[in-house]
Amino acid sequence: MAKLKAKIKTKKLKLVQKKLKKVSINDKLVRTVDFSELLLMGGTIGQWGSNIAFSVNSEKQLSFRNMKRTSSSRWASHNIIGKRPKMEYLGIDMDEVTLEVVLSAEMGVRPRSEMKKFRAACKSREVNYLYINGKKVCANKMAITAVSESWDEIWSQGELVRAVVAVTFSEYR
């Protein structure tokens, strides 16, 4: 029986090792975990890249609210003298997703460090798939194009306790 348990444990370990990928970021070799494996760990709501993961568990709650997706098309208006303008369809536009991330120290999150992650992701040229519930939100990768911070609660000596970060993801083609 002990041999069978050891064999099963070895097979599981090999399966997890296959799912691990090695990625080079700024000439440093980093191990990242496959998203499906993160879901198995429990509590994961969604993810964008390797640094930003939305999750809820007994120790930490990093979730979002008011998620909005915008799909639009591009149109041109041609003015005609003495008549109404004519409209011309130019094609589809990039999809956009906006959401608000609540950062609260009471929920086990360090607001300043999390805001720093979002700002750094916005300033980098990084593009990744945005996953919610293990499914891609958009068929293409997305970039963080805007981050807006709202500092809601500050305690003595300037300690930030609660903030809301509005994040805009734009489709990358």
N, C-alpha and C. Protein backbone atom coordinates (compact mmCIF):
# COMPACT_ATOMS: atom_id res chain seq x y z
N MET A 1 0.82 -1.19 0.00
CA MET A 1 0.00 0.00 0.00
C MET A 1 0.87 1.26 0.00
N ALA A 2 1.95 1.24 0.78
CA ALA A 2 2.85 2.40 0.86
C ALA A 2 3.52 2.66 -0.48
N LYS A 3 3.86 1.59 -1.20
CA LYS A 3 4.48 1.75 -2.53
C LYS A 3 3.51 2.40 -3.50
N LEU A 4 2.24 2.00 -3.44
CA LEU A 4 1.22 2.57 -4.32
C LEU A 4 1.04 4.06 -4.04
N LYS A 5 0.99 4.45 -2.76
CA LYS A 5 0.86 5.86 -2.40
C LYS A 5 2.06 6.67 -2.89
N ALA A 6 3.25 6.11 -2.75
CA ALA A 6 4.46 6.80 -3.21
C ALA A 6 4.45 6.97 -4.72
N LYS A 7 3.94 5.96 -5.44
CA LYS A 7 3.86 6.01 -6.91
C LYS A 7 2.88 7.10 -7.35
N ILE A 8 1.74 7.17 -6.67
CA ILE A 8 0.73 8.19 -7.00
C ILE A 8 1.29 9.58 -6.72
N LYS A 9 1.98 9.76 -5.59
CA LYS A 9 2.58 11.04 -5.25
C LYS A 9 3.61 11.46 -6.30
N THR A 10 4.41 10.52 -6.77
CA THR A 10 5.42 10.80 -7.79
C THR A 10 4.77 11.22 -9.10
N LYS A 11 3.70 10.53 -9.49
CA LYS A 11 3.00 10.88 -10.74
C LYS A 11 2.39 12.27 -10.64
N LYS A 12 1.80 12.61 -9.48
CA LYS A 12 1.22 13.95 -9.30
C LYS A 12 2.30 15.01 -9.39
N LEU A 13 3.46 14.76 -8.77
CA LEU A 13 4.56 15.70 -8.80
C LEU A 13 5.05 15.92 -10.23
N LYS A 14 5.16 14.84 -11.00
CA LYS A 14 5.58 14.96 -12.40
C LYS A 14 4.57 15.76 -13.21
N LEU A 15 3.27 15.57 -12.95
CA LEU A 15 2.23 16.30 -13.64
C LEU A 15 2.32 17.80 -13.34
N VAL A 16 2.56 18.14 -12.07
CA VAL A 16 2.69 19.55 -11.68
C VAL A 16 3.94 20.15 -12.33
N GLN A 17 5.03 19.40 -12.37
CA GLN A 17 6.27 19.90 -12.96
C GLN A 17 6.10 20.15 -14.46
N LYS A 18 5.29 19.34 -15.14
CA LYS A 18 5.03 19.55 -16.57
C LYS A 18 4.28 20.86 -16.79
N LYS A 19 3.39 21.21 -15.85
CA LYS A 19 2.60 22.41 -16.00
C LYS A 19 3.41 23.67 -15.72
N LEU A 20 4.52 23.53 -14.98
CA LEU A 20 5.36 24.69 -14.70
C LEU A 20 6.10 25.11 -15.96
N LYS A 21 6.13 26.40 -16.22
CA LYS A 21 6.81 26.92 -17.38
C LYS A 21 7.98 27.76 -16.90
N LYS A 22 9.02 27.86 -17.72
CA LYS A 22 10.13 28.74 -17.41
C LYS A 22 10.07 29.91 -18.37
N VAL A 23 10.02 31.10 -17.80
CA VAL A 23 9.87 32.31 -18.59
C VAL A 23 11.02 33.25 -18.25
N SER A 24 11.54 33.93 -19.24
CA SER A 24 12.62 34.89 -19.02
C SER A 24 12.04 36.30 -18.99
N ILE A 25 12.19 36.98 -17.85
CA ILE A 25 11.72 38.35 -17.70
C ILE A 25 12.93 39.19 -17.31
N ASN A 26 13.26 40.17 -18.15
CA ASN A 26 14.43 41.03 -17.92
C ASN A 26 15.69 40.20 -17.64
N ASP A 27 15.91 39.18 -18.46
CA ASP A 27 17.08 38.30 -18.37
C ASP A 27 17.16 37.50 -17.08
N LYS A 28 16.07 37.37 -16.35
CA LYS A 28 16.04 36.53 -15.16
C LYS A 28 15.09 35.37 -15.43
N LEU A 29 15.51 34.18 -15.06
CA LEU A 29 14.68 33.00 -15.28
C LEU A 29 13.69 32.88 -14.14
N VAL A 30 12.40 32.86 -14.46
CA VAL A 30 11.34 32.85 -13.46
C VAL A 30 10.44 31.66 -13.74
N ARG A 31 10.04 30.95 -12.69
CA ARG A 31 9.09 29.86 -12.85
C ARG A 31 7.69 30.39 -12.63
N THR A 32 6.80 30.12 -13.56
CA THR A 32 5.40 30.54 -13.39
C THR A 32 4.52 29.30 -13.40
N VAL A 33 3.38 29.41 -12.77
CA VAL A 33 2.45 28.30 -12.66
C VAL A 33 1.35 28.46 -13.70
N ASP A 34 0.95 27.37 -14.31
CA ASP A 34 -0.14 27.38 -15.27
C ASP A 34 -1.43 27.83 -14.57
N PHE A 35 -2.30 28.57 -15.29
CA PHE A 35 -3.51 29.12 -14.68
C PHE A 35 -4.44 28.02 -14.17
N SER A 36 -4.54 26.91 -14.87
CA SER A 36 -5.42 25.83 -14.42
C SER A 36 -4.96 25.29 -13.07
N GLU A 37 -3.66 25.31 -12.83
CA GLU A 37 -3.15 24.86 -11.54
C GLU A 37 -3.51 25.85 -10.44
N LEU A 38 -3.51 27.15 -10.76
CA LEU A 38 -3.91 28.15 -9.78
C LEU A 38 -5.36 27.94 -9.36
N LEU A 39 -6.21 27.57 -10.31
CA LEU A 39 -7.61 27.33 -9.97
C LEU A 39 -7.74 26.16 -9.01
N LEU A 40 -6.88 25.14 -9.18
CA LEU A 40 -6.93 23.99 -8.31
C LEU A 40 -6.53 24.34 -6.88
N MET A 41 -5.72 25.40 -6.72
CA MET A 41 -5.29 25.82 -5.40
C MET A 41 -6.45 26.42 -4.60
N GLY A 42 -7.50 26.85 -5.29
CA GLY A 42 -8.68 27.36 -4.62
C GLY A 42 -8.66 28.85 -4.42
N GLY A 43 -9.84 29.47 -4.52
CA GLY A 43 -10.00 30.87 -4.21
C GLY A 43 -9.68 31.84 -5.33
N THR A 44 -9.16 31.37 -6.46
CA THR A 44 -8.77 32.28 -7.52
C THR A 44 -9.98 32.67 -8.35
N ILE A 45 -10.17 33.98 -8.50
CA ILE A 45 -11.27 34.51 -9.30
C ILE A 45 -10.80 34.77 -10.72
N GLY A 46 -9.63 35.36 -10.84
CA GLY A 46 -9.11 35.68 -12.16
C GLY A 46 -7.66 36.07 -12.10
N GLN A 47 -7.08 36.32 -13.28
CA GLN A 47 -5.66 36.63 -13.35
C GLN A 47 -5.35 37.40 -14.62
N TRP A 48 -4.36 38.29 -14.52
CA TRP A 48 -3.76 38.95 -15.68
C TRP A 48 -2.26 38.87 -15.46
N GLY A 49 -1.58 38.10 -16.28
CA GLY A 49 -0.14 37.95 -16.14
C GLY A 49 0.23 37.15 -14.91
N SER A 50 1.49 37.25 -14.52
CA SER A 50 1.97 36.49 -13.38
C SER A 50 1.92 37.28 -12.07
N ASN A 51 1.81 38.61 -12.15
CA ASN A 51 1.83 39.44 -10.95
C ASN A 51 0.47 39.77 -10.39
N ILE A 52 -0.56 39.79 -11.23
CA ILE A 52 -1.87 40.25 -10.78
C ILE A 52 -2.85 39.08 -10.80
N ALA A 53 -3.24 38.65 -9.59
CA ALA A 53 -4.19 37.56 -9.45
C ALA A 53 -5.28 38.01 -8.49
N PHE A 54 -6.53 37.86 -8.91
CA PHE A 54 -7.68 38.19 -8.07
C PHE A 54 -8.10 36.92 -7.35
N SER A 55 -8.12 36.97 -6.02
CA SER A 55 -8.47 35.76 -5.28
C SER A 55 -9.15 36.12 -3.96
N VAL A 56 -9.87 35.14 -3.45
CA VAL A 56 -10.54 35.29 -2.16
C VAL A 56 -10.27 34.02 -1.37
N ASN A 57 -9.65 34.16 -0.21
CA ASN A 57 -9.47 33.03 0.69
C ASN A 57 -9.53 33.53 2.13
N SER A 58 -9.25 32.68 3.08
CA SER A 58 -9.40 33.07 4.49
C SER A 58 -8.37 34.10 4.93
N GLU A 59 -7.24 34.22 4.22
CA GLU A 59 -6.20 35.16 4.62
C GLU A 59 -6.24 36.47 3.85
N LYS A 60 -6.64 36.42 2.60
CA LYS A 60 -6.52 37.59 1.73
C LYS A 60 -7.70 37.66 0.76
N GLN A 61 -8.22 38.87 0.56
CA GLN A 61 -9.29 39.07 -0.41
C GLN A 61 -8.88 40.20 -1.35
N LEU A 62 -8.60 39.83 -2.59
CA LEU A 62 -8.27 40.80 -3.63
C LEU A 62 -9.24 40.54 -4.78
N SER A 63 -10.34 41.28 -4.77
CA SER A 63 -11.38 41.06 -5.77
C SER A 63 -11.70 42.39 -6.46
N PHE A 64 -12.62 42.34 -7.39
CA PHE A 64 -12.99 43.54 -8.12
C PHE A 64 -14.50 43.67 -8.16
N ARG A 65 -14.95 44.84 -8.60
CA ARG A 65 -16.38 45.11 -8.73
C ARG A 65 -16.58 45.98 -9.97
N ASN A 66 -17.81 46.14 -10.36
CA ASN A 66 -18.21 47.00 -11.48
C ASN A 66 -17.41 46.72 -12.76
N MET A 67 -17.27 45.46 -13.12
CA MET A 67 -16.57 45.12 -14.37
C MET A 67 -17.46 45.46 -15.55
N LYS A 68 -16.89 46.20 -16.51
CA LYS A 68 -17.64 46.58 -17.71
C LYS A 68 -16.79 46.27 -18.93
N ARG A 69 -17.42 45.68 -19.92
CA ARG A 69 -16.74 45.38 -21.18
C ARG A 69 -17.38 46.21 -22.27
N THR A 70 -16.55 46.84 -23.09
CA THR A 70 -17.04 47.69 -24.17
C THR A 70 -16.54 47.15 -25.51
N SER A 71 -17.46 46.86 -26.39
CA SER A 71 -17.13 46.48 -27.77
C SER A 71 -17.73 47.55 -28.67
N SER A 72 -16.94 48.04 -29.61
CA SER A 72 -17.44 49.12 -30.46
C SER A 72 -16.89 48.97 -31.88
N SER A 73 -17.41 49.80 -32.76
CA SER A 73 -16.93 49.83 -34.15
C SER A 73 -16.56 51.27 -34.51
N ARG A 74 -15.81 51.40 -35.59
CA ARG A 74 -15.35 52.73 -36.01
C ARG A 74 -16.17 53.19 -37.21
N TRP A 75 -16.61 54.42 -37.16
CA TRP A 75 -17.40 55.02 -38.23
C TRP A 75 -16.81 56.38 -38.60
N ALA A 76 -16.93 56.75 -39.87
CA ALA A 76 -16.50 58.07 -40.32
C ALA A 76 -17.72 58.82 -40.85
N SER A 77 -17.73 60.11 -40.61
CA SER A 77 -18.83 60.95 -41.09
C SER A 77 -18.28 61.86 -42.18
N HIS A 78 -18.91 61.79 -43.37
CA HIS A 78 -18.49 62.63 -44.50
C HIS A 78 -19.53 63.73 -44.71
N ASN A 79 -19.08 64.97 -44.55
CA ASN A 79 -19.98 66.11 -44.71
C ASN A 79 -20.23 66.38 -46.20
N ILE A 80 -21.49 66.63 -46.52
CA ILE A 80 -21.88 66.95 -47.89
C ILE A 80 -22.58 68.31 -47.86
N ILE A 81 -22.17 69.21 -48.73
CA ILE A 81 -22.74 70.56 -48.75
C ILE A 81 -24.22 70.49 -49.10
N GLY A 82 -25.05 71.12 -48.27
CA GLY A 82 -26.49 71.19 -48.51
C GLY A 82 -27.26 69.92 -48.17
N LYS A 83 -26.60 68.88 -47.71
CA LYS A 83 -27.28 67.62 -47.38
C LYS A 83 -26.79 67.09 -46.03
N ARG A 84 -27.44 66.04 -45.60
CA ARG A 84 -27.02 65.38 -44.38
C ARG A 84 -25.69 64.65 -44.61
N PRO A 85 -24.89 64.49 -43.55
CA PRO A 85 -23.63 63.75 -43.72
C PRO A 85 -23.89 62.28 -44.04
N LYS A 86 -22.92 61.66 -44.70
CA LYS A 86 -22.99 60.22 -44.99
C LYS A 86 -22.06 59.50 -44.02
N MET A 87 -22.51 58.35 -43.55
CA MET A 87 -21.73 57.55 -42.62
C MET A 87 -21.05 56.42 -43.39
N GLU A 88 -19.81 56.12 -42.98
CA GLU A 88 -19.06 55.03 -43.59
C GLU A 88 -18.51 54.14 -42.48
N TYR A 89 -18.76 52.85 -42.60
CA TYR A 89 -18.26 51.88 -41.62
C TYR A 89 -16.79 51.59 -41.92
N LEU A 90 -15.92 51.77 -40.92
CA LEU A 90 -14.49 51.55 -41.12
C LEU A 90 -14.02 50.20 -40.59
N GLY A 91 -14.70 49.65 -39.61
CA GLY A 91 -14.31 48.35 -39.05
C GLY A 91 -14.54 48.30 -37.55
N ILE A 92 -14.16 47.16 -36.98
CA ILE A 92 -14.36 47.00 -35.54
C ILE A 92 -13.23 47.69 -34.78
N ASP A 93 -13.54 48.09 -33.56
CA ASP A 93 -12.56 48.74 -32.70
C ASP A 93 -12.10 47.73 -31.64
N MET A 94 -11.11 48.09 -30.88
CA MET A 94 -10.58 47.22 -29.84
C MET A 94 -11.56 47.14 -28.67
N ASP A 95 -11.68 45.97 -28.06
CA ASP A 95 -12.50 45.81 -26.87
C ASP A 95 -11.78 46.41 -25.68
N GLU A 96 -12.56 46.91 -24.72
CA GLU A 96 -12.02 47.45 -23.48
C GLU A 96 -12.76 46.86 -22.29
N VAL A 97 -12.03 46.59 -21.23
CA VAL A 97 -12.60 46.10 -19.98
C VAL A 97 -12.15 47.05 -18.87
N THR A 98 -13.11 47.54 -18.10
CA THR A 98 -12.78 48.36 -16.94
C THR A 98 -13.33 47.69 -15.69
N LEU A 99 -12.60 47.80 -14.61
CA LEU A 99 -13.06 47.24 -13.34
C LEU A 99 -12.41 48.00 -12.19
N GLU A 100 -13.04 47.91 -11.04
CA GLU A 100 -12.54 48.56 -9.84
C GLU A 100 -12.04 47.49 -8.88
N VAL A 101 -10.81 47.63 -8.41
CA VAL A 101 -10.22 46.69 -7.47
C VAL A 101 -10.22 47.33 -6.09
N VAL A 102 -10.82 46.66 -5.13
CA VAL A 102 -10.88 47.17 -3.76
C VAL A 102 -9.67 46.63 -3.00
N LEU A 103 -8.85 47.54 -2.49
CA LEU A 103 -7.66 47.17 -1.72
C LEU A 103 -7.87 47.61 -0.28
N SER A 104 -8.01 46.64 0.61
CA SER A 104 -8.28 46.96 2.00
C SER A 104 -7.36 46.16 2.92
N ALA A 105 -6.71 46.86 3.84
CA ALA A 105 -5.83 46.19 4.81
C ALA A 105 -6.64 45.26 5.70
N GLU A 106 -7.91 45.58 5.92
CA GLU A 106 -8.77 44.74 6.74
C GLU A 106 -9.04 43.38 6.08
N MET A 107 -8.79 43.30 4.78
CA MET A 107 -8.99 42.05 4.04
C MET A 107 -7.66 41.37 3.71
N GLY A 108 -6.60 41.76 4.40
CA GLY A 108 -5.31 41.10 4.24
C GLY A 108 -4.48 41.57 3.06
N VAL A 109 -4.79 42.74 2.53
CA VAL A 109 -4.08 43.27 1.36
C VAL A 109 -3.29 44.50 1.79
N ARG A 110 -2.11 44.67 1.23
CA ARG A 110 -1.33 45.88 1.49
C ARG A 110 -1.60 46.84 0.33
N PRO A 111 -2.47 47.84 0.54
CA PRO A 111 -2.91 48.71 -0.55
C PRO A 111 -1.79 49.36 -1.35
N ARG A 112 -0.79 49.91 -0.69
CA ARG A 112 0.28 50.61 -1.42
C ARG A 112 1.06 49.66 -2.33
N SER A 113 1.39 48.47 -1.85
CA SER A 113 2.16 47.54 -2.68
C SER A 113 1.33 47.02 -3.85
N GLU A 114 0.04 46.79 -3.63
CA GLU A 114 -0.82 46.34 -4.73
C GLU A 114 -1.00 47.44 -5.78
N MET A 115 -1.15 48.70 -5.32
CA MET A 115 -1.28 49.81 -6.27
C MET A 115 0.00 49.94 -7.09
N LYS A 116 1.12 49.71 -6.46
CA LYS A 116 2.40 49.77 -7.16
C LYS A 116 2.47 48.73 -8.28
N LYS A 117 1.93 47.53 -8.03
CA LYS A 117 1.89 46.48 -9.06
C LYS A 117 1.07 46.93 -10.27
N PHE A 118 -0.09 47.53 -10.02
CA PHE A 118 -0.95 47.98 -11.12
C PHE A 118 -0.29 49.11 -11.91
N ARG A 119 0.33 50.07 -11.20
CA ARG A 119 1.02 51.16 -11.90
C ARG A 119 2.17 50.63 -12.74
N ALA A 120 2.95 49.69 -12.19
CA ALA A 120 4.08 49.12 -12.93
C ALA A 120 3.60 48.37 -14.16
N ALA A 121 2.49 47.63 -14.03
CA ALA A 121 1.94 46.90 -15.18
C ALA A 121 1.45 47.85 -16.26
N CYS A 122 0.91 48.99 -15.85
CA CYS A 122 0.42 49.98 -16.80
C CYS A 122 1.58 50.61 -17.58
N LYS A 123 2.68 50.87 -16.87
CA LYS A 123 3.82 51.53 -17.50
C LYS A 123 4.68 50.58 -18.34
N SER A 124 4.55 49.29 -18.09
CA SER A 124 5.32 48.31 -18.88
C SER A 124 4.61 48.06 -20.20
N ARG A 125 5.29 47.40 -21.08
CA ARG A 125 4.68 47.07 -22.38
C ARG A 125 4.13 45.66 -22.36
N GLU A 126 3.81 45.15 -21.18
CA GLU A 126 3.36 43.78 -21.01
C GLU A 126 1.92 43.60 -21.49
N VAL A 127 1.68 42.52 -22.22
CA VAL A 127 0.33 42.13 -22.63
C VAL A 127 0.11 40.68 -22.23
N ASN A 128 -1.07 40.40 -21.70
CA ASN A 128 -1.41 39.05 -21.24
C ASN A 128 -2.90 38.83 -21.45
N TYR A 129 -3.30 37.58 -21.35
CA TYR A 129 -4.72 37.27 -21.38
C TYR A 129 -5.31 37.62 -20.02
N LEU A 130 -6.52 38.15 -20.03
CA LEU A 130 -7.26 38.41 -18.79
C LEU A 130 -8.21 37.24 -18.61
N TYR A 131 -8.04 36.52 -17.50
CA TYR A 131 -8.88 35.37 -17.19
C TYR A 131 -9.83 35.73 -16.05
N ILE A 132 -11.09 35.35 -16.20
CA ILE A 132 -12.06 35.41 -15.12
C ILE A 132 -12.71 34.04 -15.07
N ASN A 133 -12.68 33.41 -13.92
CA ASN A 133 -13.23 32.08 -13.72
C ASN A 133 -12.61 31.05 -14.69
N GLY A 134 -11.33 31.22 -14.98
CA GLY A 134 -10.63 30.27 -15.83
C GLY A 134 -10.88 30.43 -17.31
N LYS A 135 -11.65 31.45 -17.69
CA LYS A 135 -11.97 31.67 -19.11
C LYS A 135 -11.42 33.02 -19.55
N LYS A 136 -10.94 33.06 -20.79
CA LYS A 136 -10.43 34.31 -21.34
C LYS A 136 -11.59 35.28 -21.51
N VAL A 137 -11.38 36.52 -21.09
CA VAL A 137 -12.40 37.55 -21.26
C VAL A 137 -12.45 37.99 -22.71
N CYS A 138 -11.31 38.01 -23.37
CA CYS A 138 -11.19 38.45 -24.75
C CYS A 138 -10.36 37.41 -25.50
N ALA A 139 -10.62 37.23 -26.77
CA ALA A 139 -9.88 36.26 -27.57
C ALA A 139 -8.41 36.64 -27.71
N ASN A 140 -8.11 37.94 -27.65
CA ASN A 140 -6.74 38.42 -27.78
C ASN A 140 -6.19 38.84 -26.42
N LYS A 141 -4.89 39.03 -26.38
CA LYS A 141 -4.25 39.50 -25.16
C LYS A 141 -4.68 40.94 -24.89
N MET A 142 -4.53 41.38 -23.65
CA MET A 142 -4.93 42.72 -23.25
C MET A 142 -3.78 43.41 -22.53
N ALA A 143 -3.74 44.74 -22.67
CA ALA A 143 -2.75 45.56 -21.98
C ALA A 143 -3.47 46.47 -21.00
N ILE A 144 -2.83 46.78 -19.89
CA ILE A 144 -3.39 47.75 -18.95
C ILE A 144 -3.02 49.13 -19.48
N THR A 145 -4.02 49.90 -19.88
CA THR A 145 -3.78 51.20 -20.50
C THR A 145 -4.02 52.37 -19.54
N ALA A 146 -4.74 52.14 -18.45
CA ALA A 146 -5.00 53.23 -17.50
C ALA A 146 -5.23 52.66 -16.10
N VAL A 147 -4.70 53.37 -15.11
CA VAL A 147 -4.90 53.03 -13.70
C VAL A 147 -5.23 54.32 -12.96
N SER A 148 -6.33 54.31 -12.23
CA SER A 148 -6.74 55.48 -11.46
C SER A 148 -6.95 55.06 -10.01
N GLU A 149 -6.34 55.79 -9.08
CA GLU A 149 -6.40 55.43 -7.66
C GLU A 149 -7.31 56.37 -6.89
N SER A 150 -8.03 55.81 -5.93
CA SER A 150 -8.84 56.60 -5.01
C SER A 150 -8.49 56.15 -3.60
N TRP A 151 -7.85 57.02 -2.84
CA TRP A 151 -7.44 56.70 -1.48
C TRP A 151 -8.62 57.01 -0.56
N ASP A 152 -9.28 55.99 -0.08
CA ASP A 152 -10.51 56.17 0.68
C ASP A 152 -10.29 56.37 2.18
N GLU A 153 -9.34 55.65 2.78
CA GLU A 153 -9.19 55.70 4.22
C GLU A 153 -7.71 55.72 4.59
N ILE A 154 -7.31 56.77 5.31
CA ILE A 154 -5.93 56.91 5.75
C ILE A 154 -5.95 57.11 7.26
N TRP A 155 -5.16 56.30 7.97
CA TRP A 155 -5.10 56.39 9.42
C TRP A 155 -3.91 57.25 9.84
N SER A 156 -3.67 57.29 11.12
CA SER A 156 -2.60 58.14 11.66
C SER A 156 -1.26 57.83 11.02
N GLN A 157 -0.46 58.87 10.90
CA GLN A 157 0.88 58.80 10.33
C GLN A 157 0.85 58.41 8.84
N GLY A 158 -0.27 58.65 8.17
CA GLY A 158 -0.36 58.45 6.72
C GLY A 158 -0.47 57.01 6.27
N GLU A 159 -0.87 56.10 7.16
CA GLU A 159 -1.01 54.70 6.79
C GLU A 159 -2.27 54.50 5.95
N LEU A 160 -2.08 54.09 4.71
CA LEU A 160 -3.21 53.85 3.81
C LEU A 160 -3.86 52.52 4.17
N VAL A 161 -5.15 52.55 4.48
CA VAL A 161 -5.86 51.36 4.93
C VAL A 161 -6.80 50.83 3.85
N ARG A 162 -7.41 51.74 3.07
CA ARG A 162 -8.37 51.31 2.05
C ARG A 162 -8.26 52.21 0.84
N ALA A 163 -8.20 51.58 -0.33
CA ALA A 163 -8.15 52.31 -1.59
C ALA A 163 -8.89 51.52 -2.66
N VAL A 164 -9.32 52.23 -3.69
CA VAL A 164 -9.97 51.60 -4.84
C VAL A 164 -9.17 52.00 -6.08
N VAL A 165 -8.81 51.00 -6.88
CA VAL A 165 -8.05 51.24 -8.10
C VAL A 165 -8.93 50.89 -9.29
N ALA A 166 -9.15 51.87 -10.17
CA ALA A 166 -9.90 51.62 -11.41
C ALA A 166 -8.88 51.27 -12.50
N VAL A 167 -9.04 50.10 -13.11
CA VAL A 167 -8.09 49.59 -14.09
C VAL A 167 -8.80 49.44 -15.45
N THR A 168 -8.14 49.89 -16.51
CA THR A 168 -8.66 49.74 -17.86
C THR A 168 -7.75 48.82 -18.65
N PHE A 169 -8.32 47.74 -19.16
CA PHE A 169 -7.61 46.80 -20.02
C PHE A 169 -8.07 47.06 -21.46
N SER A 170 -7.13 47.15 -22.40
CA SER A 170 -7.48 47.32 -23.80
C SER A 170 -6.93 46.15 -24.61
N GLU A 171 -7.72 45.73 -25.58
CA GLU A 171 -7.33 44.61 -26.43
C GLU A 171 -6.08 44.95 -27.23
N TYR A 172 -5.20 43.98 -27.35
CA TYR A 172 -3.96 44.16 -28.09
C TYR A 172 -3.99 43.26 -29.31
N ARG A 173 -3.77 43.85 -30.48
CA ARG A 173 -3.73 43.06 -31.72
C ARG A 173 -2.46 43.30 -32.46
